[in-house]
Protein backbone atom coordinates (compact mmCIF):
# COMPACT_ATOMS: atom_id res chain seq x y z
CA UNK A 1 0.00 0.00 0.00
CA UNK A 2 4.66 2.58 1.08
CA UNK A 3 6.69 1.94 1.76
CA UNK A 4 6.11 0.21 5.09
CA UNK A 5 6.59 -3.51 4.78
CA UNK A 6 3.90 -4.71 7.13
CA UNK A 7 0.85 -2.87 5.73
CA UNK A 8 -0.37 -3.54 2.26
CA UNK A 9 0.99 -1.12 -0.29
CA UNK A 10 -1.28 0.61 -2.74
CA UNK A 11 -3.26 -1.92 -4.69
CA UNK A 12 -4.57 -0.45 -7.91
CA UNK A 13 -6.19 -3.02 -10.11
CA UNK A 14 -5.97 -2.96 -13.87
CA UNK A 15 -7.82 -5.97 -15.21
CA UNK A 16 -6.19 -7.41 -18.32
CA UNK A 17 -8.15 -9.70 -20.62
CA UNK A 18 -6.54 -13.11 -21.26
CA UNK A 19 -6.62 -12.50 -25.03
CA UNK A 20 -4.58 -9.35 -24.59
CA UNK A 21 -2.01 -11.25 -22.56
CA UNK A 22 -1.74 -13.89 -25.26
CA UNK A 23 -0.81 -11.21 -27.76
CA UNK A 24 1.41 -9.05 -25.57
CA UNK A 25 2.67 -11.04 -22.62
CA UNK A 26 2.82 -9.84 -19.07
CA UNK A 27 6.20 -8.20 -19.61
CA UNK A 28 4.85 -5.46 -21.86
CA UNK A 29 4.80 -1.87 -20.73
CA UNK A 30 2.08 -0.54 -18.41
CA UNK A 31 0.94 1.82 -21.16
CA UNK A 32 0.12 -1.16 -23.37
CA UNK A 33 -1.48 -2.99 -20.47
CA UNK A 34 -3.68 -0.01 -19.69
CA UNK A 35 -4.89 0.06 -23.27
CA UNK A 36 -6.39 -3.37 -22.63
CA UNK A 37 -8.14 -2.40 -19.40
CA UNK A 38 -11.70 -3.60 -19.23
CA UNK A 39 -14.36 -1.06 -18.35
CA UNK A 40 -16.03 -1.46 -14.97
CA UNK A 41 -19.11 -3.70 -15.18
CA UNK A 42 -22.45 -1.98 -14.71
CA UNK A 43 -24.03 -2.84 -11.37
CA UNK A 44 -27.37 -1.97 -9.78
CA UNK A 45 -27.65 1.12 -7.53
CA UNK A 46 -27.26 0.62 -3.80
CA UNK A 47 -30.17 0.37 -1.42
CA UNK A 48 -29.67 3.57 0.57
CA UNK A 49 -31.95 6.58 0.96
CA UNK A 50 -30.22 8.49 3.77
CA UNK A 51 -26.63 8.90 5.02
CA UNK A 52 -25.23 6.02 7.05
CA UNK A 53 -22.47 6.68 9.60
CA UNK A 54 -20.49 3.88 11.26
CA UNK A 55 -17.12 3.45 12.96
CA UNK A 56 -13.97 2.15 11.33
CA UNK A 57 -10.63 0.98 12.66
CA UNK A 58 -7.43 2.56 11.34
CA UNK A 59 -4.63 0.01 11.55
CA UNK A 60 -1.24 0.65 9.93
CA UNK A 61 -2.95 3.28 7.82
CA UNK A 62 -5.69 0.98 6.53
CA UNK A 63 -9.41 1.56 7.03
CA UNK A 64 -11.09 -1.62 8.31
CA UNK A 65 -14.88 -1.88 8.38
CA UNK A 66 -17.11 -4.67 9.62
CA UNK A 67 -19.49 -6.00 6.99
CA UNK A 68 -21.46 -9.03 5.94
CA UNK A 69 -20.78 -10.93 2.73
CA UNK A 70 -23.66 -13.10 1.54
CA UNK A 71 -25.02 -12.94 5.06
CA UNK A 72 -21.78 -13.96 6.82
CA UNK A 73 -19.59 -11.70 8.98
CA UNK A 74 -16.61 -10.25 7.13
CA UNK A 75 -14.07 -7.47 7.43
CA UNK A 76 -12.91 -5.32 4.54
CA UNK A 77 -10.43 -2.56 3.86
CA UNK A 78 -11.90 0.53 2.17
CA UNK A 79 -9.47 1.07 -0.69
CA UNK A 80 -10.05 3.90 -3.15
CA UNK A 81 -6.88 2.73 -4.91
CA UNK A 82 -8.53 -0.55 -5.90
CA UNK A 83 -10.25 -0.29 -9.26
CA UNK A 84 -12.59 -3.17 -8.32
CA UNK A 85 -13.83 -5.08 -5.30
CA UNK A 86 -11.33 -7.74 -4.22
CA UNK A 87 -11.76 -10.95 -2.23
CA UNK A 88 -8.69 -12.72 -0.90
CA UNK A 89 -8.15 -16.26 -2.13
CA UNK A 90 -8.51 -17.67 1.39
CA UNK A 91 -11.76 -15.80 2.03
CA UNK A 92 -13.18 -16.83 -1.35
CA UNK A 93 -12.92 -20.44 -0.19
CA UNK A 94 -14.49 -19.63 3.17
CA UNK A 95 -17.42 -17.87 1.51
CA UNK A 96 -17.72 -20.53 -1.21
CA UNK A 97 -17.34 -18.04 -4.05
CA UNK A 98 -17.04 -19.50 -7.53
CA UNK A 99 -14.14 -18.58 -9.78
CA UNK A 100 -14.62 -17.86 -13.46
CA UNK A 101 -12.96 -20.51 -15.59
CA UNK A 102 -10.48 -18.09 -17.19
CA UNK A 103 -8.04 -16.03 -15.13
CA UNK A 104 -7.16 -12.40 -15.71
CA UNK A 105 -4.45 -10.29 -14.08
CA UNK A 106 -4.62 -7.71 -11.30
CA UNK A 107 -1.84 -5.16 -11.53
CA UNK A 108 -0.50 -3.90 -8.22
CA UNK A 109 2.07 -1.27 -7.36
CA UNK A 110 5.04 -3.12 -8.78
CA UNK A 111 3.73 -6.19 -10.58
CA UNK A 112 0.74 -8.40 -11.19
CA UNK A 113 -1.10 -11.35 -9.71
CA UNK A 114 -3.50 -13.87 -11.31
CA UNK A 115 -7.14 -13.02 -10.60
CA UNK A 116 -10.50 -14.66 -11.20
CA UNK A 117 -13.81 -12.94 -11.71
CA UNK A 118 -16.65 -13.76 -9.33
CA UNK A 119 -19.91 -12.20 -8.18
CA UNK A 120 -21.07 -11.37 -4.68
CA UNK A 121 -24.76 -11.85 -4.03
CA UNK A 122 -24.83 -9.16 -1.36
CA UNK A 123 -22.45 -7.07 0.71
CA UNK A 124 -23.67 -4.93 3.60
CA UNK A 125 -21.71 -2.22 5.40
CA UNK A 126 -23.96 -0.96 8.16
CA UNK A 127 -27.27 -0.10 6.55
CA UNK A 128 -25.70 0.29 3.11
CA UNK A 129 -26.34 -2.70 0.90
CA UNK A 130 -25.06 -3.65 -2.55
CA UNK A 131 -26.42 -6.67 -4.38
CA UNK A 132 -25.20 -8.82 -7.27
CA UNK A 133 -21.90 -6.98 -7.54
CA UNK A 134 -18.75 -8.04 -9.40
CA UNK A 135 -15.49 -8.80 -7.64
CA UNK A 136 -12.13 -10.42 -8.32
CA UNK A 137 -10.42 -13.14 -6.33
CA UNK A 138 -6.76 -12.27 -5.76
CA UNK A 139 -4.01 -13.64 -3.53
CA UNK A 140 -3.52 -10.71 -1.14
CA UNK A 141 -0.54 -10.33 1.24
CA UNK A 142 -1.23 -11.97 4.58
CA UNK A 143 -0.21 -8.74 6.35
CA UNK A 144 -3.53 -7.21 5.31
CA UNK A 145 -5.52 -9.38 7.76
CA UNK A 146 -8.83 -8.74 5.97
CA UNK A 147 -11.25 -10.63 3.75
CA UNK A 148 -10.66 -8.24 0.89
CA UNK A 149 -10.93 -4.70 -0.44
CA UNK A 150 -13.98 -2.61 -1.14
CA UNK A 151 -12.91 -0.56 -4.15
CA UNK A 152 -14.46 1.38 -7.00
CA UNK A 153 -17.51 -0.82 -7.61
CA UNK A 154 -18.61 -0.23 -4.02
CA UNK A 155 -17.30 3.27 -3.20
CA UNK A 156 -18.48 4.96 -6.40
CA UNK A 157 -22.12 4.27 -5.49
CA UNK A 158 -21.91 6.72 -2.57
CA UNK A 159 -20.60 10.06 -1.51
CA UNK A 160 -17.94 8.72 0.87
CA UNK A 161 -16.74 10.78 3.85
CA UNK A 162 -13.84 9.57 5.97
CA UNK A 163 -13.52 11.36 9.31
CA UNK A 164 -10.03 10.17 10.23
CA UNK A 165 -9.96 12.18 13.46
CA UNK A 166 -13.00 10.40 14.93
CA UNK A 167 -12.69 7.13 12.94
CA UNK A 168 -16.11 7.51 11.33
CA UNK A 169 -17.25 6.54 7.84
CA UNK A 170 -20.31 8.15 6.26
CA UNK A 171 -21.88 6.66 3.15
CA UNK A 172 -24.45 9.01 1.64
CA UNK A 173 -26.60 8.87 -1.50
CA UNK A 174 -24.86 10.72 -4.34
CA UNK A 175 -27.77 13.15 -4.58
CA UNK A 176 -27.72 14.16 -0.91
CA UNK A 177 -26.46 17.64 0.00
CA UNK A 178 -24.61 18.74 3.13
CA UNK A 179 -22.79 21.88 4.12
CA UNK A 180 -19.04 21.64 3.62
CA UNK A 181 -16.87 21.89 6.76
CA UNK A 182 -15.19 25.22 7.43
CA UNK A 183 -11.81 25.51 5.75
CA UNK A 184 -12.59 22.87 3.14
CA UNK A 185 -10.75 22.73 -0.16
CA UNK A 186 -12.72 21.38 -3.12
CA UNK A 187 -10.45 19.78 -5.73
CA UNK A 188 -11.47 18.53 -9.19
CA UNK A 189 -11.20 14.76 -9.44
CA UNK A 190 -10.52 12.59 -12.47
CA UNK A 191 -10.65 8.80 -12.62
CA UNK A 192 -7.85 6.72 -14.07
CA UNK A 193 -8.52 3.00 -14.21
CA UNK A 194 -11.39 3.65 -11.77
CA UNK A 195 -9.07 5.32 -9.23
CA UNK A 196 -9.58 8.99 -8.19
CA UNK A 197 -6.75 11.38 -9.01
CA UNK A 198 -6.08 15.02 -8.16
CA UNK A 199 -3.34 17.57 -8.81
CA UNK A 200 -0.75 18.54 -6.20
CA UNK A 201 2.64 20.31 -6.08
CA UNK A 202 6.02 18.84 -5.14
CA UNK A 203 8.52 21.66 -4.57
CA UNK A 204 6.35 23.75 -6.86
CA UNK A 205 6.23 21.09 -9.61
CA UNK A 206 2.70 20.10 -10.59
CA UNK A 207 1.75 16.44 -10.80
CA UNK A 208 -1.28 14.15 -10.87
CA UNK A 209 -1.64 11.82 -7.90
CA UNK A 210 -3.87 8.89 -7.04
CA UNK A 211 -5.93 9.27 -3.87
CA UNK A 212 -5.36 5.88 -2.33
CA UNK A 213 -6.94 5.08 1.03
CA UNK A 214 -5.43 1.59 0.75
CA UNK A 215 -1.82 2.81 0.91
CA UNK A 216 -0.27 2.74 4.37
CA UNK A 217 2.37 5.41 3.74
CA UNK A 218 1.96 9.07 2.89
CA UNK A 219 3.40 9.89 -0.52
CA UNK A 220 5.06 7.97 -3.34
CA UNK A 221 6.56 9.72 -6.37
CA UNK A 222 6.83 7.66 -9.54
CA UNK A 223 10.10 7.23 -11.38
CA UNK A 224 9.20 9.33 -14.45
CA UNK A 225 8.25 12.33 -12.28
CA UNK A 226 11.39 11.98 -10.16
CA UNK A 227 13.60 11.79 -13.27
CA UNK A 228 11.83 14.62 -15.10
CA UNK A 229 12.42 17.04 -12.24
CA UNK A 230 15.89 15.71 -11.27
CA UNK A 231 14.73 15.05 -7.73
CA UNK A 232 17.49 12.57 -6.97
CA UNK A 233 20.02 15.34 -7.52
CA UNK A 234 18.02 17.64 -5.23
CA UNK A 235 17.75 15.01 -2.51
CA UNK A 236 21.09 13.18 -2.10
CA UNK A 237 20.16 12.10 1.44
CA UNK A 238 18.01 9.00 0.94
CA UNK A 239 17.35 5.71 2.69
CA UNK A 240 15.97 2.39 1.50
CA UNK A 241 12.24 1.78 1.81
CA UNK A 242 10.62 -1.60 1.13
CA UNK A 243 6.93 -2.44 0.98
CA UNK A 244 4.56 -5.11 -0.21
CA UNK A 245 1.74 -5.11 -2.73
CA UNK A 246 -0.12 -7.49 -4.99
CA UNK A 247 2.57 -8.39 -7.47
CA UNK A 248 5.48 -8.46 -5.03
CA UNK A 249 7.79 -6.19 -3.07
CA UNK A 250 7.93 -2.45 -3.69
CA UNK A 251 11.37 -0.81 -3.48
CA UNK A 252 11.84 2.92 -3.06
CA UNK A 253 14.30 5.55 -1.88
CA UNK A 254 12.81 7.56 0.98
CA UNK A 255 13.49 11.28 1.43
CA UNK A 256 12.01 14.23 3.30
CA UNK A 257 10.55 16.74 0.85
CA UNK A 258 11.05 20.44 1.28
CA UNK A 259 7.45 21.23 0.35
CA UNK A 260 4.29 19.40 -0.70
CA UNK A 261 1.10 21.34 -1.49
CA UNK A 262 -2.36 19.82 -1.67
CA UNK A 263 -5.04 22.38 -2.42
CA UNK A 264 -4.52 25.19 0.08
CA UNK A 265 -2.59 22.93 2.48
CA UNK A 266 1.20 22.87 2.59
CA UNK A 267 3.49 20.36 4.29
CA UNK A 268 7.22 20.61 4.95
CA UNK A 269 9.52 17.72 5.78
CA UNK A 270 7.00 15.16 4.55
CA UNK A 271 8.48 11.68 3.94
CA UNK A 272 8.23 10.67 0.29
CA UNK A 273 9.21 7.48 -1.49
CA UNK A 274 10.97 7.76 -4.85
CA UNK A 275 9.67 4.58 -6.48
CA UNK A 276 12.07 2.49 -8.53
CA UNK A 277 9.30 0.36 -10.10
CA UNK A 278 9.65 -0.37 -13.82
CA UNK A 279 6.38 -2.34 -14.07
CA UNK A 280 3.01 -2.16 -12.37
CA UNK A 281 0.84 0.80 -11.49
CA UNK A 282 3.74 2.73 -9.96
CA UNK A 283 5.29 2.97 -13.43
CA UNK A 284 2.11 4.31 -15.08
CA UNK A 285 3.25 7.13 -17.42
CA UNK A 286 -0.11 8.87 -16.97
CA UNK A 287 0.44 9.39 -13.24
CA UNK A 288 3.06 11.14 -11.12
CA UNK A 289 2.50 9.63 -7.69
CA UNK A 290 0.30 8.11 -5.03
CA UNK A 291 -1.25 9.73 -1.93
CA UNK A 292 -1.72 7.41 1.04
CA UNK A 293 -2.99 7.36 4.59
CA UNK A 294 -0.26 9.33 6.36
CA UNK A 295 -1.30 12.39 4.34
CA UNK A 296 -5.02 11.65 4.04
CA UNK A 297 -5.54 11.03 7.78
CA UNK A 298 -4.79 14.71 8.40
CA UNK A 299 -8.11 15.63 6.77
CA UNK A 300 -11.76 14.81 6.76
CA UNK A 301 -11.86 13.41 3.24
CA UNK A 302 -14.91 13.26 1.00
CA UNK A 303 -14.84 11.28 -2.24
CA UNK A 304 -17.70 12.64 -4.32
CA UNK A 305 -17.65 10.43 -7.41
CA UNK A 306 -20.92 11.73 -8.85
CA UNK A 307 -19.67 15.34 -8.89
CA UNK A 308 -16.07 14.46 -9.83
CA UNK A 309 -14.61 16.22 -6.83
CA UNK A 310 -12.71 15.59 -3.61
CA UNK A 311 -13.25 17.68 -0.49
CA UNK A 312 -10.46 18.06 2.08
CA UNK A 313 -10.98 19.67 5.50
CA UNK A 314 -7.91 19.76 7.80
CA UNK A 315 -8.46 18.09 11.17
CA UNK A 316 -6.59 18.01 14.49
CA UNK A 317 -4.08 15.54 13.08
CA UNK A 318 -2.93 18.07 10.50
CA UNK A 319 0.10 19.45 12.36
CA UNK A 320 1.35 16.11 13.73
CA UNK A 321 4.96 15.36 12.77
CA UNK A 322 5.49 12.83 9.99
CA UNK A 323 7.28 9.76 11.36
CA UNK A 324 9.17 7.03 9.54
CA UNK A 325 10.36 3.58 10.49
CA UNK A 326 13.12 4.35 13.02
CA UNK A 327 14.37 0.77 13.45
CA UNK A 328 15.82 0.22 9.97
CA UNK A 329 14.30 -3.26 9.74
CA UNK A 330 11.73 -4.36 7.15
CA UNK A 331 9.88 -7.61 7.62
CA UNK A 332 7.40 -9.68 5.64
CA UNK A 333 4.85 -12.04 7.14
CA UNK A 334 3.97 -15.52 5.99
CA UNK A 335 1.15 -16.80 8.19
CA UNK A 336 2.49 -16.14 11.73
CA UNK A 337 6.18 -15.99 10.72
CA UNK A 338 8.00 -12.70 10.17
CA UNK A 339 11.16 -12.70 8.06
CA UNK A 340 13.58 -9.81 7.62
CA UNK A 341 13.58 -8.82 3.94
CA UNK A 342 15.81 -5.71 4.16
CA UNK A 343 17.92 -3.72 6.60
CA UNK A 344 18.88 -0.06 6.14
CA UNK A 345 22.69 0.35 6.33
CA UNK A 346 23.95 2.02 9.53
CA UNK A 347 20.47 1.83 11.09
CA UNK A 348 19.80 0.55 14.64
CA UNK A 349 18.94 -2.87 13.16
CA UNK A 350 22.15 -2.99 11.11
CA UNK A 351 24.31 -1.90 14.06
CA UNK A 352 22.75 -4.66 16.17
CA UNK A 353 23.74 -7.25 13.54
CA UNK A 354 20.31 -8.07 12.10
CA UNK A 355 20.54 -9.31 8.52
CA UNK A 356 18.26 -10.12 5.63
CA UNK A 357 16.77 -13.61 6.03
CA UNK A 358 16.71 -13.55 9.83
CA UNK A 359 13.48 -14.60 11.53
CA UNK A 360 11.88 -12.12 13.92
CA UNK A 361 10.61 -14.14 16.89
CA UNK A 362 9.73 -11.68 19.66
CA UNK A 363 9.27 -7.94 20.14
CA UNK A 364 9.43 -6.51 23.67
CA UNK A 365 8.82 -9.96 25.12
CA UNK A 366 5.78 -10.77 22.99
CA UNK A 367 5.96 -13.62 20.42
CA UNK A 368 5.31 -12.28 16.93
CA UNK A 369 2.55 -14.87 16.49
CA UNK A 370 0.57 -12.82 19.04
CA UNK A 371 1.17 -9.50 17.26
CA UNK A 372 -0.81 -7.84 14.51
CA UNK A 373 0.91 -5.94 11.73
CA UNK A 374 -0.35 -2.72 13.33
CA UNK A 375 1.54 -3.60 16.52
CA UNK A 376 4.82 -3.78 14.62
CA UNK A 377 4.01 -0.60 12.74
CA UNK A 378 3.51 1.31 16.00
CA UNK A 379 6.57 -0.24 17.64
CA UNK A 380 8.96 0.64 14.82
CA UNK A 381 7.55 4.18 14.51
CA UNK A 382 7.95 5.14 18.17
CA UNK A 383 9.87 8.34 19.02
CA UNK A 384 13.63 8.52 18.65
CA UNK A 385 15.46 7.34 21.78
CA UNK A 386 12.93 4.63 22.57
CA UNK A 387 14.50 1.19 23.07
CA UNK A 388 12.88 -2.03 21.92
CA UNK A 389 13.95 -5.61 22.54
CA UNK A 390 13.79 -8.13 19.74
CA UNK A 391 14.62 -11.82 19.52
CA UNK A 392 16.14 -12.86 16.20
CA UNK A 393 17.13 -16.23 14.80
CA UNK A 394 19.40 -16.65 11.81
CA UNK A 395 19.27 -19.74 9.62
CA UNK A 396 20.56 -22.77 11.58
CA UNK A 397 21.73 -20.49 14.39
CA UNK A 398 20.83 -19.87 18.01
CA UNK A 399 18.28 -17.28 19.08
CA UNK A 400 19.71 -13.85 19.85
CA UNK A 401 18.17 -11.20 22.09
CA UNK A 402 19.02 -7.68 20.88
CA UNK A 403 18.21 -4.15 21.99
CA UNK A 404 17.54 -1.47 19.37
CA UNK A 405 17.58 2.23 20.21
CA UNK A 406 15.31 3.94 17.69
CA UNK A 407 16.56 7.07 15.95
CA UNK A 408 15.68 9.31 13.05
CA UNK A 409 17.28 8.00 9.88
CA UNK A 410 16.42 11.10 7.80
C-alpha cells in the first residue's frame, strides 16, 4: 500500500483480458497494459436513501470496516486505490465463491497477480447494501488481515466521507447535500482505471496523484516524475524503503521533501518514497505519484464520485509530525512468521547485527505470532530514543536477544 513492509501497499487493479495477454505477454509496458483495461461492469444502484455513519478501525494506515458478505460476517479494507472489489483467495474459499474458468491479471504497485472474476450476491456495510456486484479473487498479502478490499464498484455508489480524526465513515446517497466543513478545499477529481486522481505540487512542480486510502504510507513519487524534475540530484540524502503489494515487493528511496502542497494545504519535511518500479501501477506514465494514509488522515476526506470532486478539510491531526520507520528493519509475514527482507545500512537494526533472512521471533517480550501488523508498525515508529527488545534467529543459528535504540534516519 509505502513503503512500510507490514501494511499492504497501494493496490490499484488494472484488469487485463486473457486474449490481450496472449498477444502481448505480461512483460509489456504498463501503457500497453492499460490500453487493454476492461471497463467497470455496470451494477445496480445501492439500497440507501439516507446517510449512514459507522465506525472504522485505522490500523497501519488501513481503514477496516465490519461488513457481511452473503449474510456472513466479514471485514474489509476501504481502498479507493482498488479499481474493483477484491476478495482474498482464502476468504473466497471460506465464503464458497465460484471462480470464473479463465483467469485475468490484477496489476498492483510493482507487478501483477492472477485473478479470477466472481460475483457477490450481497455485501452490507452498516445499513448500506449492494447486491449482485462483481469482484475479483486475488491472492492478497497476509499482512492485510482482511477478507478483501472494497474498491471502486462499491465506493463509487456513494458520496464517501472519511472522518479520520474520529474514525467515522459516512456513506451518503450521491444526490444528498450537506454543508461543507469550514476551511474545506474542493479539488477537481478525475478517474484513471477507476481510481480517483487530483493535482498537487512537489517543490512547486505540478503532478497528478492517485488518492489511495489503501496505501499505508503518505506519498510515493513515480520514477518518471522523479527523473523529469531531477529530484534525486536535489535530494542526495536518501534511505531504502521496502513495501509489499499485490505483485510483489515495492522498493523505493525515501526522502524528506522540502514542500508538498495539496489544495490550500502545505506540508514541509514530509516523507516521500521515490519509487524504482519499472512495471506495475507505480510505473504508469499517466500518473506522477500516489497519496496514502499518512497524508489523508490529516483531513476529513470526502470522495464525491458523482460530482467528480474531492473535499479536504484539515483536522486536528494536521500538524502532527510525519514519522518514519526508526528501526531500519523491514519484515514480511507468511502466516504467523515474520522474516527480515531488508535492513537499512547504519540503522539501529544494522548496528545490532540483524541481517536479511533472519526470523523475527519476539518484540518486547511478545511472540510475533501474538502481534498484529499494526503492533509492529507502531513499535517501529515510536519516538527517537525509545529502546525495543527483539529476539532474532538466523538460519541454523541460536536465538539472539538484541536491543535497538530507535533514531531518526532522515
